[in-house]
Protein backbone atom coordinates (compact mmCIF):
# COMPACT_ATOMS: atom_id res chain seq x y z
CA MET A 1 -2.11 -1.69 5.09
CA THR A 2 0.50 -3.25 7.32
CA ILE A 3 0.92 -6.86 8.53
CA THR A 4 2.97 -7.22 11.63
CA PHE A 5 4.48 -10.48 13.15
CA ASP A 6 6.27 -10.48 16.74
CA LEU A 7 8.36 -13.70 17.26
CA PRO A 8 9.76 -14.54 20.64
CA GLN A 9 13.53 -15.02 20.91
CA SER A 10 14.48 -18.54 19.95
CA PRO A 11 17.24 -20.09 17.59
CA GLU A 12 14.71 -20.23 14.88
CA SER A 13 13.33 -16.48 15.08
CA GLU A 14 15.54 -15.03 12.35
CA LEU A 15 14.58 -17.92 9.82
CA SER A 16 10.95 -17.59 10.89
CA CYS A 17 10.85 -13.82 9.89
CA TYR A 18 12.11 -14.70 6.52
CA ALA A 19 9.97 -17.46 6.14
CA PHE A 20 6.94 -15.42 6.94
CA ALA A 21 8.18 -12.72 4.50
CA GLY A 22 8.65 -15.23 1.79
CA ALA A 23 5.16 -16.87 2.41
CA VAL A 24 3.31 -13.37 2.46
CA GLY A 25 5.31 -12.48 -0.87
CA ARG A 26 4.44 -15.68 -2.54
CA ALA A 27 0.65 -15.51 -1.49
CA ILE A 28 0.55 -11.84 -3.04
CA PHE A 29 2.62 -13.01 -6.00
CA ASP A 30 0.16 -16.08 -6.68
CA ASP A 31 -3.07 -13.86 -6.14
CA PRO A 32 -2.39 -10.06 -6.57
CA THR A 33 -6.04 -9.32 -6.44
CA LEU A 34 -6.73 -11.21 -3.02
CA GLY A 35 -9.39 -13.34 -4.72
CA GLY A 36 -10.98 -10.42 -6.57
CA LEU A 37 -11.29 -8.07 -3.54
CA ALA A 38 -8.88 -5.64 -4.97
CA ASP A 39 -7.73 -4.58 -8.27
CA ARG A 40 -4.09 -5.05 -7.28
CA VAL A 41 -1.91 -5.56 -4.20
CA VAL A 42 1.75 -4.97 -4.16
CA ILE A 43 4.35 -5.22 -1.35
CA ALA A 44 5.32 -1.64 -0.74
CA GLY A 45 8.05 -2.52 1.94
CA LYS A 46 9.33 -4.99 4.39
CA LYS A 47 11.09 -4.11 7.76
CA PHE A 48 13.01 -6.84 9.80
CA ILE A 49 13.20 -5.84 13.38
CA THR A 50 16.02 -7.47 15.28
CA PRO A 51 16.65 -7.54 19.20
CA LYS A 52 18.45 -4.53 20.57
CA LYS A 53 20.72 -6.89 22.47
CA PRO A 54 21.09 -10.65 21.30
CA HIS A 55 19.95 -13.28 23.64
CA CYS A 56 18.32 -10.77 26.11
CA GLY A 57 14.66 -11.95 25.76
CA ASP A 58 13.54 -9.26 23.13
CA ALA A 59 11.37 -10.28 20.34
CA TRP A 60 12.10 -10.47 16.58
CA GLY A 61 9.66 -8.72 14.38
CA LEU A 62 8.58 -8.25 10.84
CA VAL A 63 6.45 -5.60 9.31
CA ILE A 64 5.12 -5.78 5.87
CA SER A 65 3.51 -2.78 4.30
CA LEU A 66 1.08 -3.59 1.37
CA ARG A 67 -0.29 -1.09 -1.07
CA ILE A 68 -3.93 -2.09 -2.08
CA THR A 69 -5.66 -0.54 -5.29
CA ILE A 70 -9.37 -0.70 -5.48
CA ALA A 71 -11.10 1.02 -8.24
CA ALA A 72 -14.24 2.97 -7.62
CA ARG A 73 -17.24 1.05 -9.00
CA ASN A 74 -20.72 2.51 -9.74
CA TYR A 75 -23.44 0.00 -8.83
CA GLN A 76 -26.98 0.83 -9.93
C-alpha cells in the first residue's frame, strides 16, 4: 500500500515532507496492527520528491510504501 502527499511550493514544503513522514512513522510505531485490522504493518520505503527546479512552482512530494501482513483466518 502507498500513501502519497503532494505539497505546493512554499518555504515550509520540505519541512512538511519530513514532518508528515515522521507522523506516519510514529503512528505505525505506536500501533503496528492498525487497531487490530492487520497482523503487522511496517514502512517498506520512503521517497522524498523534490522540485526539478527550485522555486519554479513544482510541488514537493512524499511517497510512503507500507507492507501490511494479514493472516488468513477460518471463520465458521
